[in-house]
PDB file of all heavy atoms in Angstrom:
ATOM      1  N   ALA A   1      -0.047  19.281   9.745  1.00  0.00           N
ATOM      2  CA  ALA A   1      -0.862  18.984  10.926  1.00  0.00           C
ATOM      3  C   ALA A   1      -0.377  17.737  11.651  1.00  0.00           C
ATOM      4  O   ALA A   1      -0.564  17.597  12.866  1.00  0.00           O
ATOM      5  CB  ALA A   1      -2.333  18.821  10.528  1.00  0.00           C
ATOM      6  N   LEU A   2       0.253  16.803  10.923  1.00  0.00           N
ATOM      7  CA  LEU A   2       0.756  15.574  11.545  1.00  0.00           C
ATOM      8  C   LEU A   2       2.012  15.813  12.382  1.00  0.00           C
ATOM      9  O   LEU A   2       2.305  15.032  13.298  1.00  0.00           O
ATOM     10  CB  LEU A   2       1.073  14.526  10.470  1.00  0.00           C
ATOM     11  CG  LEU A   2      -0.083  13.976   9.639  1.00  0.00           C
ATOM     12  CD1 LEU A   2       0.416  12.848   8.746  1.00  0.00           C
ATOM     13  CD2 LEU A   2      -1.233  13.505  10.507  1.00  0.00           C
ATOM     14  N   ALA A   3       2.747  16.872  12.066  1.00  0.00           N
ATOM     15  CA  ALA A   3       4.012  17.136  12.758  1.00  0.00           C
ATOM     16  C   ALA A   3       3.800  17.228  14.266  1.00  0.00           C
ATOM     17  O   ALA A   3       2.956  17.983  14.744  1.00  0.00           O
ATOM     18  CB  ALA A   3       4.624  18.435  12.229  1.00  0.00           C
ATOM     19  N   GLY A   4       4.554  16.420  15.005  1.00  0.00           N
ATOM     20  CA  GLY A   4       4.442  16.398  16.455  1.00  0.00           C
ATOM     21  C   GLY A   4       3.328  15.498  16.973  1.00  0.00           C
ATOM     22  O   GLY A   4       3.249  15.249  18.176  1.00  0.00           O
ATOM     23  N   ARG A   5       2.481  15.028  16.077  1.00  0.00           N
ATOM     24  CA  ARG A   5       1.363  14.172  16.485  1.00  0.00           C
ATOM     25  C   ARG A   5       1.512  12.739  15.982  1.00  0.00           C
ATOM     26  O   ARG A   5       1.145  11.792  16.667  1.00  0.00           O
ATOM     27  CB  ARG A   5       0.037  14.745  15.965  1.00  0.00           C
ATOM     28  CG  ARG A   5      -0.353  16.106  16.531  1.00  0.00           C
ATOM     29  CD  ARG A   5      -1.738  16.483  16.036  1.00  0.00           C
ATOM     30  NE  ARG A   5      -2.239  17.705  16.655  1.00  0.00           N
ATOM     31  CZ  ARG A   5      -2.203  18.904  16.082  1.00  0.00           C
ATOM     32  NH1 ARG A   5      -1.671  19.034  14.867  1.00  0.00           N
ATOM     33  NH2 ARG A   5      -2.684  19.962  16.708  1.00  0.00           N
ATOM     34  N   MET A   6       2.024  12.579  14.748  1.00  0.00           N
ATOM     35  CA  MET A   6       2.184  11.258  14.164  1.00  0.00           C
ATOM     36  C   MET A   6       3.536  11.174  13.480  1.00  0.00           C
ATOM     37  O   MET A   6       4.087  12.185  13.030  1.00  0.00           O
ATOM     38  CB  MET A   6       1.062  10.959  13.153  1.00  0.00           C
ATOM     39  CG  MET A   6      -0.343  11.044  13.751  1.00  0.00           C
ATOM     40  SD  MET A   6      -1.631  10.485  12.601  1.00  0.00           S
ATOM     41  CE  MET A   6      -1.355   8.703  12.665  1.00  0.00           C
ATOM     42  N   ALA A   7       4.076   9.961  13.400  1.00  0.00           N
ATOM     43  CA  ALA A   7       5.373   9.737  12.765  1.00  0.00           C
ATOM     44  C   ALA A   7       5.295   8.502  11.872  1.00  0.00           C
ATOM     45  O   ALA A   7       4.432   7.638  12.067  1.00  0.00           O
ATOM     46  CB  ALA A   7       6.460   9.557  13.824  1.00  0.00           C
ATOM     47  N   ALA A   8       6.201   8.438  10.893  1.00  0.00           N
ATOM     48  CA  ALA A   8       6.224   7.300   9.981  1.00  0.00           C
ATOM     49  C   ALA A   8       6.476   6.010  10.740  1.00  0.00           C
ATOM     50  O   ALA A   8       7.191   5.991  11.741  1.00  0.00           O
ATOM     51  CB  ALA A   8       7.299   7.501   8.920  1.00  0.00           C
ATOM     52  N   ASP A   9       5.883   4.925  10.270  1.00  0.00           N
ATOM     53  CA  ASP A   9       6.056   3.631  10.924  1.00  0.00           C
ATOM     54  C   ASP A   9       7.397   3.022  10.553  1.00  0.00           C
ATOM     55  O   ASP A   9       8.269   3.692   9.993  1.00  0.00           O
ATOM     56  CB  ASP A   9       4.883   2.699  10.592  1.00  0.00           C
ATOM     57  CG  ASP A   9       4.890   2.239   9.138  1.00  0.00           C
ATOM     58  OD1 ASP A   9       5.824   2.606   8.382  1.00  0.00           O
ATOM     59  OD2 ASP A   9       3.968   1.511   8.751  1.00  0.00           O
ATOM     60  N   GLU A  10       7.591   1.739  10.825  1.00  0.00           N
ATOM     61  CA  GLU A  10       8.883   1.087  10.630  1.00  0.00           C
ATOM     62  C   GLU A  10       9.356   1.079   9.182  1.00  0.00           C
ATOM     63  O   GLU A  10      10.564   1.001   8.916  1.00  0.00           O
ATOM     64  CB  GLU A  10       8.811  -0.360  11.134  1.00  0.00           C
ATOM     65  CG  GLU A  10       7.779  -1.206  10.395  1.00  0.00           C
ATOM     66  CD  GLU A  10       7.688  -2.612  10.938  1.00  0.00           C
ATOM     67  OE1 GLU A  10       8.707  -3.324  10.882  1.00  0.00           O
ATOM     68  OE2 GLU A  10       6.614  -2.988  11.433  1.00  0.00           O
ATOM     69  N   TYR A  11       8.444   1.178   8.225  1.00  0.00           N
ATOM     70  CA  TYR A  11       8.841   1.151   6.824  1.00  0.00           C
ATOM     71  C   TYR A  11       9.240   2.526   6.309  1.00  0.00           C
ATOM     72  O   TYR A  11       9.952   2.639   5.317  1.00  0.00           O
ATOM     73  CB  TYR A  11       7.707   0.588   5.950  1.00  0.00           C
ATOM     74  CG  TYR A  11       7.441  -0.866   6.211  1.00  0.00           C
ATOM     75  CD1 TYR A  11       6.300  -1.261   6.904  1.00  0.00           C
ATOM     76  CD2 TYR A  11       8.327  -1.845   5.768  1.00  0.00           C
ATOM     77  CE1 TYR A  11       6.050  -2.602   7.158  1.00  0.00           C
ATOM     78  CE2 TYR A  11       8.086  -3.192   6.016  1.00  0.00           C
ATOM     79  CZ  TYR A  11       6.942  -3.555   6.709  1.00  0.00           C
ATOM     80  OH  TYR A  11       6.700  -4.877   6.946  1.00  0.00           O
ATOM     81  N   GLY A  12       8.765   3.595   6.965  1.00  0.00           N
ATOM     82  CA  GLY A  12       9.078   4.937   6.512  1.00  0.00           C
ATOM     83  C   GLY A  12       8.562   5.161   5.098  1.00  0.00           C
ATOM     84  O   GLY A  12       7.487   4.705   4.731  1.00  0.00           O
ATOM     85  N   ARG A  13       9.359   5.871   4.287  1.00  0.00           N
ATOM     86  CA  ARG A  13       9.001   6.110   2.896  1.00  0.00           C
ATOM     87  C   ARG A  13       9.610   5.007   2.051  1.00  0.00           C
ATOM     88  O   ARG A  13      10.837   4.846   2.002  1.00  0.00           O
ATOM     89  CB  ARG A  13       9.513   7.470   2.430  1.00  0.00           C
ATOM     90  CG  ARG A  13       9.128   7.830   0.987  1.00  0.00           C
ATOM     91  CD  ARG A  13       9.789   9.138   0.579  1.00  0.00           C
ATOM     92  NE  ARG A  13       9.493   9.470  -0.807  1.00  0.00           N
ATOM     93  CZ  ARG A  13       8.529  10.288  -1.193  1.00  0.00           C
ATOM     94  NH1 ARG A  13       7.795  10.900  -0.282  1.00  0.00           N
ATOM     95  NH2 ARG A  13       8.313  10.525  -2.472  1.00  0.00           N
ATOM     96  N   THR A  14       8.778   4.219   1.393  1.00  0.00           N
ATOM     97  CA  THR A  14       9.287   3.095   0.617  1.00  0.00           C
ATOM     98  C   THR A  14       8.371   2.820  -0.548  1.00  0.00           C
ATOM     99  O   THR A  14       7.198   3.205  -0.551  1.00  0.00           O
ATOM    100  CB  THR A  14       9.403   1.832   1.495  1.00  0.00           C
ATOM    101  OG1 THR A  14      10.016   0.788   0.741  1.00  0.00           O
ATOM    102  CG2 THR A  14       8.033   1.356   1.960  1.00  0.00           C
ATOM    103  N   ARG A  15       8.917   2.159  -1.561  1.00  0.00           N
ATOM    104  CA  ARG A  15       8.103   1.752  -2.704  1.00  0.00           C
ATOM    105  C   ARG A  15       7.396   0.448  -2.366  1.00  0.00           C
ATOM    106  O   ARG A  15       8.013  -0.497  -1.876  1.00  0.00           O
ATOM    107  CB  ARG A  15       8.975   1.573  -3.948  1.00  0.00           C
ATOM    108  CG  ARG A  15       8.222   0.952  -5.128  1.00  0.00           C
ATOM    109  CD  ARG A  15       9.080   0.904  -6.371  1.00  0.00           C
ATOM    110  NE  ARG A  15       9.365   2.239  -6.865  1.00  0.00           N
ATOM    111  CZ  ARG A  15      10.092   2.475  -7.959  1.00  0.00           C
ATOM    112  NH1 ARG A  15      10.613   1.470  -8.640  1.00  0.00           N
ATOM    113  NH2 ARG A  15      10.305   3.709  -8.357  1.00  0.00           N
ATOM    114  N   ILE A  16       6.110   0.404  -2.637  1.00  0.00           N
ATOM    115  CA  ILE A  16       5.318  -0.794  -2.384  1.00  0.00           C
ATOM    116  C   ILE A  16       4.792  -1.313  -3.714  1.00  0.00           C
ATOM    117  O   ILE A  16       4.209  -0.551  -4.491  1.00  0.00           O
ATOM    118  CB  ILE A  16       4.129  -0.506  -1.439  1.00  0.00           C
ATOM    119  CG1 ILE A  16       4.649   0.016  -0.094  1.00  0.00           C
ATOM    120  CG2 ILE A  16       3.275  -1.752  -1.240  1.00  0.00           C
ATOM    121  CD1 ILE A  16       3.546   0.457   0.845  1.00  0.00           C
ATOM    122  N   THR A  17       5.017  -2.581  -3.993  1.00  0.00           N
ATOM    123  CA  THR A  17       4.534  -3.202  -5.220  1.00  0.00           C
ATOM    124  C   THR A  17       3.538  -4.286  -4.868  1.00  0.00           C
ATOM    125  O   THR A  17       3.803  -5.124  -4.003  1.00  0.00           O
ATOM    126  CB  THR A  17       5.695  -3.806  -6.024  1.00  0.00           C
ATOM    127  OG1 THR A  17       6.669  -2.791  -6.276  1.00  0.00           O
ATOM    128  CG2 THR A  17       5.207  -4.369  -7.357  1.00  0.00           C
ATOM    129  N   SER A  18       2.378  -4.263  -5.524  1.00  0.00           N
ATOM    130  CA  SER A  18       1.341  -5.268  -5.287  1.00  0.00           C
ATOM    131  C   SER A  18       1.011  -5.967  -6.593  1.00  0.00           C
ATOM    132  O   SER A  18       0.795  -5.306  -7.617  1.00  0.00           O
ATOM    133  CB  SER A  18       0.068  -4.623  -4.723  1.00  0.00           C
ATOM    134  OG  SER A  18       0.324  -4.028  -3.469  1.00  0.00           O
ATOM    135  N   LEU A  19       0.987  -7.298  -6.550  1.00  0.00           N
ATOM    136  CA  LEU A  19       0.601  -8.101  -7.700  1.00  0.00           C
ATOM    137  C   LEU A  19      -0.738  -8.748  -7.372  1.00  0.00           C
ATOM    138  O   LEU A  19      -0.832  -9.585  -6.476  1.00  0.00           O
ATOM    139  CB  LEU A  19       1.653  -9.174  -7.986  1.00  0.00           C
ATOM    140  CG  LEU A  19       1.348 -10.157  -9.132  1.00  0.00           C
ATOM    141  CD1 LEU A  19       1.258  -9.405 -10.462  1.00  0.00           C
ATOM    142  CD2 LEU A  19       2.421 -11.237  -9.211  1.00  0.00           C
ATOM    143  N   TYR A  20      -1.800  -8.334  -8.071  1.00  0.00           N
ATOM    144  CA  TYR A  20      -3.141  -8.848  -7.809  1.00  0.00           C
ATOM    145  C   TYR A  20      -3.408 -10.074  -8.673  1.00  0.00           C
ATOM    146  O   TYR A  20      -3.092 -10.092  -9.865  1.00  0.00           O
ATOM    147  CB  TYR A  20      -4.192  -7.786  -8.103  1.00  0.00           C
ATOM    148  CG  TYR A  20      -4.250  -6.695  -7.058  1.00  0.00           C
ATOM    149  CD1 TYR A  20      -3.422  -5.580  -7.125  1.00  0.00           C
ATOM    150  CD2 TYR A  20      -5.139  -6.784  -5.989  1.00  0.00           C
ATOM    151  CE1 TYR A  20      -3.466  -4.589  -6.166  1.00  0.00           C
ATOM    152  CE2 TYR A  20      -5.195  -5.790  -5.024  1.00  0.00           C
ATOM    153  CZ  TYR A  20      -4.355  -4.701  -5.119  1.00  0.00           C
ATOM    154  OH  TYR A  20      -4.390  -3.714  -4.167  1.00  0.00           O
ATOM    155  N   PHE A  21      -4.012 -11.081  -8.060  1.00  0.00           N
ATOM    156  CA  PHE A  21      -4.371 -12.303  -8.762  1.00  0.00           C
ATOM    157  C   PHE A  21      -5.866 -12.289  -9.052  1.00  0.00           C
ATOM    158  O   PHE A  21      -6.679 -11.937  -8.192  1.00  0.00           O
ATOM    159  CB  PHE A  21      -4.017 -13.533  -7.916  1.00  0.00           C
ATOM    160  CG  PHE A  21      -2.539 -13.705  -7.707  1.00  0.00           C
ATOM    161  CD1 PHE A  21      -1.892 -13.079  -6.658  1.00  0.00           C
ATOM    162  CD2 PHE A  21      -1.790 -14.491  -8.582  1.00  0.00           C
ATOM    163  CE1 PHE A  21      -0.525 -13.224  -6.470  1.00  0.00           C
ATOM    164  CE2 PHE A  21      -0.417 -14.642  -8.406  1.00  0.00           C
ATOM    165  CZ  PHE A  21       0.214 -14.006  -7.348  1.00  0.00           C
ATOM    166  N   ASP A  22      -6.220 -12.682 -10.281  1.00  0.00           N
ATOM    167  CA  ASP A  22      -7.620 -12.651 -10.692  1.00  0.00           C
ATOM    168  C   ASP A  22      -7.824 -13.747 -11.730  1.00  0.00           C
ATOM    169  O   ASP A  22      -6.867 -14.427 -12.130  1.00  0.00           O
ATOM    170  CB  ASP A  22      -7.965 -11.270 -11.278  1.00  0.00           C
ATOM    171  CG  ASP A  22      -9.422 -10.886 -11.070  1.00  0.00           C
ATOM    172  OD1 ASP A  22     -10.274 -11.804 -11.082  1.00  0.00           O
ATOM    173  OD2 ASP A  22      -9.705  -9.689 -10.895  1.00  0.00           O
ATOM    174  N   THR A  23      -9.047 -13.916 -12.178  1.00  0.00           N
ATOM    175  CA  THR A  23      -9.315 -14.862 -13.259  1.00  0.00           C
ATOM    176  C   THR A  23      -8.880 -14.237 -14.578  1.00  0.00           C
ATOM    177  O   THR A  23      -8.659 -13.024 -14.654  1.00  0.00           O
ATOM    178  CB  THR A  23     -10.817 -15.189 -13.320  1.00  0.00           C
ATOM    179  OG1 THR A  23     -11.527 -14.001 -13.716  1.00  0.00           O
ATOM    180  CG2 THR A  23     -11.336 -15.662 -11.969  1.00  0.00           C
ATOM    181  N   PRO A  24      -8.745 -15.029 -15.651  1.00  0.00           N
ATOM    182  CA  PRO A  24      -8.348 -14.460 -16.949  1.00  0.00           C
ATOM    183  C   PRO A  24      -9.293 -13.361 -17.437  1.00  0.00           C
ATOM    184  O   PRO A  24      -8.878 -12.474 -18.186  1.00  0.00           O
ATOM    185  CB  PRO A  24      -8.370 -15.679 -17.883  1.00  0.00           C
ATOM    186  CG  PRO A  24      -8.096 -16.841 -16.986  1.00  0.00           C
ATOM    187  CD  PRO A  24      -8.804 -16.508 -15.696  1.00  0.00           C
ATOM    188  N   THR A  25     -10.556 -13.405 -17.013  1.00  0.00           N
ATOM    189  CA  THR A  25     -11.522 -12.374 -17.411  1.00  0.00           C
ATOM    190  C   THR A  25     -11.737 -11.338 -16.318  1.00  0.00           C
ATOM    191  O   THR A  25     -12.668 -10.551 -16.371  1.00  0.00           O
ATOM    192  CB  THR A  25     -12.870 -13.017 -17.777  1.00  0.00           C
ATOM    193  OG1 THR A  25     -13.312 -13.866 -16.704  1.00  0.00           O
ATOM    194  CG2 THR A  25     -12.740 -13.843 -19.053  1.00  0.00           C
ATOM    195  N   ARG A  26     -10.866 -11.356 -15.286  1.00  0.00           N
ATOM    196  CA  ARG A  26     -10.873 -10.365 -14.204  1.00  0.00           C
ATOM    197  C   ARG A  26     -12.233 -10.306 -13.483  1.00  0.00           C
ATOM    198  O   ARG A  26     -12.772  -9.243 -13.193  1.00  0.00           O
ATOM    199  CB  ARG A  26     -10.519  -8.983 -14.749  1.00  0.00           C
ATOM    200  CG  ARG A  26      -9.117  -8.884 -15.341  1.00  0.00           C
ATOM    201  CD  ARG A  26      -8.797  -7.446 -15.701  1.00  0.00           C
ATOM    202  NE  ARG A  26      -7.420  -7.272 -16.074  1.00  0.00           N
ATOM    203  CZ  ARG A  26      -6.985  -7.146 -17.335  1.00  0.00           C
ATOM    204  NH1 ARG A  26      -7.859  -7.198 -18.328  1.00  0.00           N
ATOM    205  NH2 ARG A  26      -5.715  -6.973 -17.595  1.00  0.00           N
ATOM    206  N   ASP A  27     -12.770 -11.457 -13.149  1.00  0.00           N
ATOM    207  CA  ASP A  27     -14.082 -11.515 -12.496  1.00  0.00           C
ATOM    208  C   ASP A  27     -14.068 -10.929 -11.087  1.00  0.00           C
ATOM    209  O   ASP A  27     -15.063 -10.336 -10.651  1.00  0.00           O
ATOM    210  CB  ASP A  27     -14.574 -12.979 -12.439  1.00  0.00           C
ATOM    211  CG  ASP A  27     -14.833 -13.549 -13.815  1.00  0.00           C
ATOM    212  OD1 ASP A  27     -15.386 -12.821 -14.653  1.00  0.00           O
ATOM    213  OD2 ASP A  27     -14.462 -14.716 -14.062  1.00  0.00           O
ATOM    214  N   LEU A  28     -12.963 -11.105 -10.343  1.00  0.00           N
ATOM    215  CA  LEU A  28     -12.926 -10.631  -8.958  1.00  0.00           C
ATOM    216  C   LEU A  28     -13.049  -9.113  -8.888  1.00  0.00           C
ATOM    217  O   LEU A  28     -13.828  -8.576  -8.108  1.00  0.00           O
ATOM    218  CB  LEU A  28     -11.634 -11.084  -8.276  1.00  0.00           C
ATOM    219  CG  LEU A  28     -11.507 -12.573  -7.979  1.00  0.00           C
ATOM    220  CD1 LEU A  28     -10.161 -12.854  -7.312  1.00  0.00           C
ATOM    221  CD2 LEU A  28     -12.643 -13.041  -7.077  1.00  0.00           C
ATOM    222  N   ILE A  29     -12.275  -8.399  -9.711  1.00  0.00           N
ATOM    223  CA  ILE A  29     -12.336  -6.949  -9.645  1.00  0.00           C
ATOM    224  C   ILE A  29     -13.622  -6.420 -10.270  1.00  0.00           C
ATOM    225  O   ILE A  29     -14.177  -5.408  -9.813  1.00  0.00           O
ATOM    226  CB  ILE A  29     -11.094  -6.310 -10.316  1.00  0.00           C
ATOM    227  CG1 ILE A  29     -11.100  -4.795 -10.081  1.00  0.00           C
ATOM    228  CG2 ILE A  29     -11.031  -6.641 -11.787  1.00  0.00           C
ATOM    229  CD1 ILE A  29     -11.133  -4.381  -8.634  1.00  0.00           C
TER     230      ILE A  29
END
């Protein structure tokens, strides 16, 4: 359904890595 309507942005298909910061007891999450 996206074909012809939407296209990949500047990053295209790429691996994304996220490192989340939290307290030692993970209170934020």
